[in-house]
Amino acid sequence: MASTYMTSQGDTWDLMAYNLYGAEKYMRYLAQANWPLLDILVFPSGIKINVPDIPEDAAEDVPFWRADDAGDDQPTEEKLYEQST
């Protein structure tokens, strides 16, 4: 359920995302829900921020280079060769 948050002096987008959602990577959801406030980088106290729910598939929303296709973190020599050709 969406809610609101009142800023404290010194709040930033990434700090609010970390405090509200547990990770800075969700900052874009805050920014999208508060478009008129995007010019503010460091907030004064008392600004009302809309806090949307994170979509269910947000955890899967990672860039292709961070996706773990092989199930391991270490590239094999064969994979490195395939990528270079």
PDB file of N, CA and C in Angstrom:
ATOM      1  N   MET A   1       0.843  -1.178   0.000  1.00  0.00           N
ATOM      2  CA  MET A   1       0.000   0.000   0.000  1.00  0.00           C
ATOM      3  C   MET A   1       0.886   1.237   0.000  1.00  0.00           C
ATOM      4  N   ALA A   2       0.633   2.131  -0.933  1.00  0.00           N
ATOM      5  CA  ALA A   2       1.412   3.366  -1.039  1.00  0.00           C
ATOM      6  C   ALA A   2       1.204   4.221   0.207  1.00  0.00           C
ATOM      7  N   SER A   3       2.223   4.992   0.544  1.00  0.00           N
ATOM      8  CA  SER A   3       2.143   5.858   1.716  1.00  0.00           C
ATOM      9  C   SER A   3       2.878   7.160   1.435  1.00  0.00           C
ATOM     10  N   THR A   4       3.077   7.958   2.452  1.00  0.00           N
ATOM     11  CA  THR A   4       3.838   9.199   2.321  1.00  0.00           C
ATOM     12  C   THR A   4       4.934   9.234   3.378  1.00  0.00           C
ATOM     13  N   TYR A   5       5.894  10.104   3.143  1.00  0.00           N
ATOM     14  CA  TYR A   5       7.037  10.285   4.041  1.00  0.00           C
ATOM     15  C   TYR A   5       7.325  11.767   4.124  1.00  0.00           C
ATOM     16  N   MET A   6       7.597  12.270   5.311  1.00  0.00           N
ATOM     17  CA  MET A   6       8.002  13.664   5.494  1.00  0.00           C
ATOM     18  C   MET A   6       9.521  13.699   5.624  1.00  0.00           C
ATOM     19  N   THR A   7      10.148  14.486   4.783  1.00  0.00           N
ATOM     20  CA  THR A   7      11.606  14.519   4.763  1.00  0.00           C
ATOM     21  C   THR A   7      12.184  15.133   6.034  1.00  0.00           C
ATOM     22  N   SER A   8      13.398  14.730   6.316  1.00  0.00           N
ATOM     23  CA  SER A   8      14.212  15.325   7.368  1.00  0.00           C
ATOM     24  C   SER A   8      15.315  16.130   6.688  1.00  0.00           C
ATOM     25  N   GLN A   9      15.813  17.129   7.354  1.00  0.00           N
ATOM     26  CA  GLN A   9      16.898  17.935   6.808  1.00  0.00           C
ATOM     27  C   GLN A   9      18.044  17.037   6.375  1.00  0.00           C
ATOM     28  N   GLY A  10      18.475  17.176   5.121  1.00  0.00           N
ATOM     29  CA  GLY A  10      19.601  16.413   4.607  1.00  0.00           C
ATOM     30  C   GLY A  10      19.231  15.143   3.870  1.00  0.00           C
ATOM     31  N   ASP A  11      17.947  14.792   3.836  1.00  0.00           N
ATOM     32  CA  ASP A  11      17.543  13.609   3.080  1.00  0.00           C
ATOM     33  C   ASP A  11      17.902  13.772   1.604  1.00  0.00           C
ATOM     34  N   THR A  12      18.289  12.681   0.979  1.00  0.00           N
ATOM     35  CA  THR A  12      18.543  12.632  -0.458  1.00  0.00           C
ATOM     36  C   THR A  12      17.717  11.476  -1.029  1.00  0.00           C
ATOM     37  N   TRP A  13      17.583  11.439  -2.349  1.00  0.00           N
ATOM     38  CA  TRP A  13      16.773  10.396  -2.976  1.00  0.00           C
ATOM     39  C   TRP A  13      17.273   8.999  -2.625  1.00  0.00           C
ATOM     40  N   ASP A  14      18.567   8.795  -2.729  1.00  0.00           N
ATOM     41  CA  ASP A  14      19.096   7.462  -2.455  1.00  0.00           C
ATOM     42  C   ASP A  14      19.007   7.089  -0.983  1.00  0.00           C
ATOM     43  N   LEU A  15      19.186   8.064  -0.105  1.00  0.00           N
ATOM     44  CA  LEU A  15      19.065   7.798   1.327  1.00  0.00           C
ATOM     45  C   LEU A  15      17.627   7.435   1.696  1.00  0.00           C
ATOM     46  N   MET A  16      16.662   8.144   1.121  1.00  0.00           N
ATOM     47  CA  MET A  16      15.262   7.827   1.393  1.00  0.00           C
ATOM     48  C   MET A  16      14.915   6.436   0.866  1.00  0.00           C
ATOM     49  N   ALA A  17      15.402   6.098  -0.325  1.00  0.00           N
ATOM     50  CA  ALA A  17      15.137   4.763  -0.883  1.00  0.00           C
ATOM     51  C   ALA A  17      15.727   3.683   0.018  1.00  0.00           C
ATOM     52  N   TYR A  18      16.925   3.921   0.496  1.00  0.00           N
ATOM     53  CA  TYR A  18      17.559   2.941   1.383  1.00  0.00           C
ATOM     54  C   TYR A  18      16.763   2.784   2.681  1.00  0.00           C
ATOM     55  N   ASN A  19      16.371   3.906   3.274  1.00  0.00           N
ATOM     56  CA  ASN A  19      15.635   3.862   4.539  1.00  0.00           C
ATOM     57  C   ASN A  19      14.227   3.293   4.383  1.00  0.00           C
ATOM     58  N   LEU A  20      13.572   3.588   3.269  1.00  0.00           N
ATOM     59  CA  LEU A  20      12.185   3.150   3.077  1.00  0.00           C
ATOM     60  C   LEU A  20      12.061   1.758   2.483  1.00  0.00           C
ATOM     61  N   TYR A  21      12.960   1.406   1.568  1.00  0.00           N
ATOM     62  CA  TYR A  21      12.857   0.133   0.847  1.00  0.00           C
ATOM     63  C   TYR A  21      13.970  -0.860   1.178  1.00  0.00           C
ATOM     64  N   GLY A  22      15.052  -0.370   1.787  1.00  0.00           N
ATOM     65  CA  GLY A  22      16.157  -1.258   2.119  1.00  0.00           C
ATOM     66  C   GLY A  22      17.273  -1.298   1.104  1.00  0.00           C
ATOM     67  N   ALA A  23      17.137  -0.531  -0.006  1.00  0.00           N
ATOM     68  CA  ALA A  23      18.194  -0.516  -1.027  1.00  0.00           C
ATOM     69  C   ALA A  23      18.064   0.746  -1.880  1.00  0.00           C
ATOM     70  N   GLU A  24      19.204   1.309  -2.243  1.00  0.00           N
ATOM     71  CA  GLU A  24      19.218   2.510  -3.072  1.00  0.00           C
ATOM     72  C   GLU A  24      18.678   2.259  -4.474  1.00  0.00           C
ATOM     73  N   LYS A  25      18.747   1.006  -4.922  1.00  0.00           N
ATOM     74  CA  LYS A  25      18.334   0.689  -6.289  1.00  0.00           C
ATOM     75  C   LYS A  25      16.863   0.982  -6.551  1.00  0.00           C
ATOM     76  N   TYR A  26      16.072   1.172  -5.503  1.00  0.00           N
ATOM     77  CA  TYR A  26      14.650   1.475  -5.674  1.00  0.00           C
ATOM     78  C   TYR A  26      14.372   2.978  -5.740  1.00  0.00           C
ATOM     79  N   MET A  27      15.412   3.773  -5.803  1.00  0.00           N
ATOM     80  CA  MET A  27      15.279   5.225  -5.847  1.00  0.00           C
ATOM     81  C   MET A  27      14.406   5.690  -7.011  1.00  0.00           C
ATOM     82  N   ARG A  28      14.472   5.012  -8.128  1.00  0.00           N
ATOM     83  CA  ARG A  28      13.717   5.447  -9.299  1.00  0.00           C
ATOM     84  C   ARG A  28      12.217   5.431  -9.060  1.00  0.00           C
ATOM     85  N   TYR A  29      11.726   4.514  -8.209  1.00  0.00           N
ATOM     86  CA  TYR A  29      10.296   4.481  -7.911  1.00  0.00           C
ATOM     87  C   TYR A  29       9.875   5.719  -7.130  1.00  0.00           C
ATOM     88  N   LEU A  30      10.734   6.168  -6.224  1.00  0.00           N
ATOM     89  CA  LEU A  30      10.464   7.415  -5.507  1.00  0.00           C
ATOM     90  C   LEU A  30      10.470   8.594  -6.473  1.00  0.00           C
ATOM     91  N   ALA A  31      11.459   8.632  -7.348  1.00  0.00           N
ATOM     92  CA  ALA A  31      11.573   9.742  -8.303  1.00  0.00           C
ATOM     93  C   ALA A  31      10.371   9.788  -9.242  1.00  0.00           C
ATOM     94  N   GLN A  32       9.939   8.644  -9.737  1.00  0.00           N
ATOM     95  CA  GLN A  32       8.797   8.603 -10.644  1.00  0.00           C
ATOM     96  C   GLN A  32       7.511   9.049  -9.962  1.00  0.00           C
ATOM     97  N   ALA A  33       7.381   8.770  -8.683  1.00  0.00           N
ATOM     98  CA  ALA A  33       6.167   9.140  -7.948  1.00  0.00           C
ATOM     99  C   ALA A  33       6.187  10.589  -7.474  1.00  0.00           C
ATOM    100  N   ASN A  34       7.338  11.256  -7.600  1.00  0.00           N
ATOM    101  CA  ASN A  34       7.491  12.629  -7.104  1.00  0.00           C
ATOM    102  C   ASN A  34       8.162  13.508  -8.149  1.00  0.00           C
ATOM    103  N   TRP A  35       7.720  13.383  -9.371  1.00  0.00           N
ATOM    104  CA  TRP A  35       8.338  14.059 -10.515  1.00  0.00           C
ATOM    105  C   TRP A  35       8.584  15.556 -10.292  1.00  0.00           C
ATOM    106  N   PRO A  36       7.643  16.319  -9.731  1.00  0.00           N
ATOM    107  CA  PRO A  36       7.886  17.759  -9.555  1.00  0.00           C
ATOM    108  C   PRO A  36       9.038  18.095  -8.600  1.00  0.00           C
ATOM    109  N   LEU A  37       9.491  17.130  -7.818  1.00  0.00           N
ATOM    110  CA  LEU A  37      10.546  17.388  -6.825  1.00  0.00           C
ATOM    111  C   LEU A  37      11.939  16.954  -7.294  1.00  0.00           C
ATOM    112  N   LEU A  38      12.060  16.524  -8.539  1.00  0.00           N
ATOM    113  CA  LEU A  38      13.332  15.976  -9.011  1.00  0.00           C
ATOM    114  C   LEU A  38      14.486  16.981  -9.006  1.00  0.00           C
ATOM    115  N   ASP A  39      14.191  18.260  -9.017  1.00  0.00           N
ATOM    116  CA  ASP A  39      15.261  19.261  -8.984  1.00  0.00           C
ATOM    117  C   ASP A  39      15.934  19.360  -7.619  1.00  0.00           C
ATOM    118  N   ILE A  40      15.308  18.804  -6.598  1.00  0.00           N
ATOM    119  CA  ILE A  40      15.874  18.871  -5.249  1.00  0.00           C
ATOM    120  C   ILE A  40      16.825  17.686  -5.055  1.00  0.00           C
ATOM    121  N   LEU A  41      18.059  17.979  -4.711  1.00  0.00           N
ATOM    122  CA  LEU A  41      19.037  16.920  -4.454  1.00  0.00           C
ATOM    123  C   LEU A  41      19.163  16.628  -2.963  1.00  0.00           C
ATOM    124  N   VAL A  42      19.212  17.680  -2.149  1.00  0.00           N
ATOM    125  CA  VAL A  42      19.262  17.540  -0.700  1.00  0.00           C
ATOM    126  C   VAL A  42      18.037  18.258  -0.148  1.00  0.00           C
ATOM    127  N   PHE A  43      17.182  17.504   0.515  1.00  0.00           N
ATOM    128  CA  PHE A  43      15.894  18.028   0.957  1.00  0.00           C
ATOM    129  C   PHE A  43      15.973  18.780   2.276  1.00  0.00           C
ATOM    130  N   PRO A  44      15.151  19.818   2.405  1.00  0.00           N
ATOM    131  CA  PRO A  44      14.941  20.422   3.723  1.00  0.00           C
ATOM    132  C   PRO A  44      13.932  19.546   4.478  1.00  0.00           C
ATOM    133  N   SER A  45      13.687  19.837   5.719  1.00  0.00           N
ATOM    134  CA  SER A  45      12.703  19.059   6.463  1.00  0.00           C
ATOM    135  C   SER A  45      11.292  19.507   6.084  1.00  0.00           C
ATOM    136  N   GLY A  46      10.349  18.569   6.196  1.00  0.00           N
ATOM    137  CA  GLY A  46       8.943  18.896   6.017  1.00  0.00           C
ATOM    138  C   GLY A  46       8.378  18.782   4.615  1.00  0.00           C
ATOM    139  N   ILE A  47       9.106  18.196   3.668  1.00  0.00           N
ATOM    140  CA  ILE A  47       8.580  18.011   2.312  1.00  0.00           C
ATOM    141  C   ILE A  47       7.872  16.647   2.271  1.00  0.00           C
ATOM    142  N   LYS A  48       6.653  16.637   1.776  1.00  0.00           N
ATOM    143  CA  LYS A  48       5.876  15.396   1.700  1.00  0.00           C
ATOM    144  C   LYS A  48       6.261  14.625   0.435  1.00  0.00           C
ATOM    145  N   ILE A  49       6.696  13.398   0.621  1.00  0.00           N
ATOM    146  CA  ILE A  49       7.131  12.524  -0.473  1.00  0.00           C
ATOM    147  C   ILE A  49       6.128  11.378  -0.599  1.00  0.00           C
ATOM    148  N   ASN A  50       5.682  11.119  -1.808  1.00  0.00           N
ATOM    149  CA  ASN A  50       4.843   9.950  -2.066  1.00  0.00           C
ATOM    150  C   ASN A  50       5.735   8.719  -2.123  1.00  0.00           C
ATOM    151  N   VAL A  51       5.343   7.686  -1.411  1.00  0.00           N
ATOM    152  CA  VAL A  51       6.123   6.450  -1.358  1.00  0.00           C
ATOM    153  C   VAL A  51       5.295   5.339  -1.996  1.00  0.00           C
ATOM    154  N   PRO A  52       5.573   5.017  -3.264  1.00  0.00           N
ATOM    155  CA  PRO A  52       4.807   3.967  -3.940  1.00  0.00           C
ATOM    156  C   PRO A  52       5.260   2.583  -3.504  1.00  0.00           C
ATOM    157  N   ASP A  53       4.403   1.618  -3.753  1.00  0.00           N
ATOM    158  CA  ASP A  53       4.786   0.225  -3.536  1.00  0.00           C
ATOM    159  C   ASP A  53       5.771  -0.174  -4.627  1.00  0.00           C
ATOM    160  N   ILE A  54       6.678  -1.056  -4.284  1.00  0.00           N
ATOM    161  CA  ILE A  54       7.619  -1.585  -5.275  1.00  0.00           C
ATOM    162  C   ILE A  54       6.902  -2.693  -6.046  1.00  0.00           C
ATOM    163  N   PRO A  55       6.961  -2.658  -7.369  1.00  0.00           N
ATOM    164  CA  PRO A  55       6.329  -3.734  -8.147  1.00  0.00           C
ATOM    165  C   PRO A  55       6.916  -5.094  -7.791  1.00  0.00           C
ATOM    166  N   GLU A  56       6.102  -6.123  -7.898  1.00  0.00           N
ATOM    167  CA  GLU A  56       6.528  -7.482  -7.554  1.00  0.00           C
ATOM    168  C   GLU A  56       7.741  -7.936  -8.357  1.00  0.00           C
ATOM    169  N   ASP A  57       7.835  -7.530  -9.616  1.00  0.00           N
ATOM    170  CA  ASP A  57       8.935  -7.973 -10.470  1.00  0.00           C
ATOM    171  C   ASP A  57      10.155  -7.064 -10.385  1.00  0.00           C
ATOM    172  N   ALA A  58      10.176  -6.132  -9.449  1.00  0.00           N
ATOM    173  CA  ALA A  58      11.297  -5.184  -9.342  1.00  0.00           C
ATOM    174  C   ALA A  58      12.608  -5.884  -9.021  1.00  0.00           C
ATOM    175  N   ALA A  59      12.561  -6.964  -8.272  1.00  0.00           N
ATOM    176  CA  ALA A  59      13.799  -7.674  -7.923  1.00  0.00           C
ATOM    177  C   ALA A  59      14.455  -8.283  -9.156  1.00  0.00           C
ATOM    178  N   GLU A  60      13.667  -8.568 -10.185  1.00  0.00           N
ATOM    179  CA  GLU A  60      14.203  -9.143 -11.406  1.00  0.00           C
ATOM    180  C   GLU A  60      14.685  -8.083 -12.379  1.00  0.00           C
ATOM    181  N   ASP A  61      14.484  -6.834 -12.051  1.00  0.00           N
ATOM    182  CA  ASP A  61      14.815  -5.727 -12.930  1.00  0.00           C
ATOM    183  C   ASP A  61      16.288  -5.349 -12.765  1.00  0.00           C
ATOM    184  N   VAL A  62      17.166  -6.170 -13.356  1.00  0.00           N
ATOM    185  CA  VAL A  62      18.606  -5.914 -13.279  1.00  0.00           C
ATOM    186  C   VAL A  62      19.157  -5.770 -14.685  1.00  0.00           C
ATOM    187  N   PRO A  63      20.200  -4.996 -14.860  1.00  0.00           N
ATOM    188  CA  PRO A  63      20.803  -4.872 -16.182  1.00  0.00           C
ATOM    189  C   PRO A  63      21.353  -6.212 -16.662  1.00  0.00           C
ATOM    190  N   PHE A  64      21.429  -6.390 -17.960  1.00  0.00           N
ATOM    191  CA  PHE A  64      21.851  -7.668 -18.523  1.00  0.00           C
ATOM    192  C   PHE A  64      23.238  -8.086 -18.052  1.00  0.00           C
ATOM    193  N   TRP A  65      24.123  -7.127 -17.792  1.00  0.00           N
ATOM    194  CA  TRP A  65      25.481  -7.495 -17.393  1.00  0.00           C
ATOM    195  C   TRP A  65      25.542  -7.974 -15.939  1.00  0.00           C
ATOM    196  N   ARG A  66      24.451  -7.765 -15.172  1.00  0.00           N
ATOM    197  CA  ARG A  66      24.423  -8.253 -13.804  1.00  0.00           C
ATOM    198  C   ARG A  66      23.661  -9.567 -13.692  1.00  0.00           C
ATOM    199  N   ALA A  67      22.990  -9.968 -14.764  1.00  0.00           N
ATOM    200  CA  ALA A  67      22.237 -11.214 -14.746  1.00  0.00           C
ATOM    201  C   ALA A  67      23.203 -12.387 -14.665  1.00  0.00           C
ATOM    202  N   ASP A  68      22.839 -13.385 -13.910  1.00  0.00           N
ATOM    203  CA  ASP A  68      23.693 -14.540 -13.713  1.00  0.00           C
ATOM    204  C   ASP A  68      23.153 -15.687 -14.539  1.00  0.00           C
ATOM    205  N   ASP A  69      23.525 -15.741 -15.803  1.00  0.00           N
ATOM    206  CA  ASP A  69      23.009 -16.756 -16.718  1.00  0.00           C
ATOM    207  C   ASP A  69      23.509 -18.158 -16.399  1.00  0.00           C
ATOM    208  N   ALA A  70      24.734 -18.264 -15.969  1.00  0.00           N
ATOM    209  CA  ALA A  70      25.338 -19.579 -15.785  1.00  0.00           C
ATOM    210  C   ALA A  70      25.139 -20.136 -14.385  1.00  0.00           C
ATOM    211  N   GLY A  71      24.682 -19.335 -13.460  1.00  0.00           N
ATOM    212  CA  GLY A  71      24.505 -19.813 -12.100  1.00  0.00           C
ATOM    213  C   GLY A  71      25.751 -19.687 -11.244  1.00  0.00           C
ATOM    214  N   ASP A  72      26.818 -19.112 -11.809  1.00  0.00           N
ATOM    215  CA  ASP A  72      28.022 -18.888 -11.023  1.00  0.00           C
ATOM    216  C   ASP A  72      28.575 -17.503 -11.345  1.00  0.00           C
ATOM    217  N   ASP A  73      29.442 -17.023 -10.494  1.00  0.00           N
ATOM    218  CA  ASP A  73      29.989 -15.677 -10.679  1.00  0.00           C
ATOM    219  C   ASP A  73      31.271 -15.650 -11.482  1.00  0.00           C
ATOM    220  N   GLN A  74      31.917 -16.795 -11.638  1.00  0.00           N
ATOM    221  CA  GLN A  74      33.209 -16.841 -12.308  1.00  0.00           C
ATOM    222  C   GLN A  74      33.038 -17.239 -13.775  1.00  0.00           C
ATOM    223  N   PRO A  75      33.459 -16.370 -14.707  1.00  0.00           N
ATOM    224  CA  PRO A  75      33.375 -16.755 -16.116  1.00  0.00           C
ATOM    225  C   PRO A  75      34.422 -17.817 -16.416  1.00  0.00           C
ATOM    226  N   THR A  76      34.054 -18.765 -17.243  1.00  0.00           N
ATOM    227  CA  THR A  76      35.004 -19.801 -17.642  1.00  0.00           C
ATOM    228  C   THR A  76      35.825 -19.284 -18.816  1.00  0.00           C
ATOM    229  N   GLU A  77      36.928 -19.955 -19.075  1.00  0.00           N
ATOM    230  CA  GLU A  77      37.783 -19.568 -20.193  1.00  0.00           C
ATOM    231  C   GLU A  77      37.021 -19.678 -21.510  1.00  0.00           C
ATOM    232  N   GLU A  78      36.180 -20.689 -21.625  1.00  0.00           N
ATOM    233  CA  GLU A  78      35.387 -20.899 -22.818  1.00  0.00           C
ATOM    234  C   GLU A  78      34.395 -19.737 -23.023  1.00  0.00           C
ATOM    235  N   LYS A  79      33.750 -19.308 -21.975  1.00  0.00           N
ATOM    236  CA  LYS A  79      32.795 -18.192 -22.083  1.00  0.00           C
ATOM    237  C   LYS A  79      33.510 -16.903 -22.488  1.00  0.00           C
ATOM    238  N   LEU A  80      34.681 -16.665 -21.931  1.00  0.00           N
ATOM    239  CA  LEU A  80      35.432 -15.462 -22.266  1.00  0.00           C
ATOM    240  C   LEU A  80      35.829 -15.484 -23.741  1.00  0.00           C
ATOM    241  N   TYR A  81      36.230 -16.661 -24.227  1.00  0.00           N
ATOM    242  CA  TYR A  81      36.599 -16.796 -25.635  1.00  0.00           C
ATOM    243  C   TYR A  81      35.398 -16.538 -26.527  1.00  0.00           C
ATOM    244  N   GLU A  82      34.229 -17.092 -26.174  1.00  0.00           N
ATOM    245  CA  GLU A  82      33.001 -16.899 -26.968  1.00  0.00           C
ATOM    246  C   GLU A  82      32.618 -15.431 -27.024  1.00  0.00           C
ATOM    247  N   GLN A  83      32.795 -14.719 -25.930  1.00  0.00           N
ATOM    248  CA  GLN A  83      32.452 -13.297 -25.891  1.00  0.00           C
ATOM    249  C   GLN A  83      33.384 -12.458 -26.751  1.00  0.00           C
ATOM    250  N   SER A  84      34.634 -12.887 -26.879  1.00  0.00           N
ATOM    251  CA  SER A  84      35.611 -12.093 -27.625  1.00  0.00           C
ATOM    252  C   SER A  84      35.545 -12.330 -29.128  1.00  0.00           C
ATOM    253  N   THR A  85      34.849 -13.364 -29.551  1.00  0.00           N
ATOM    254  CA  THR A  85      34.774 -13.653 -30.997  1.00  0.00           C
ATOM    255  C   THR A  85      33.472 -13.203 -31.594  1.00  0.00           C
TER     256      THR A  85
END
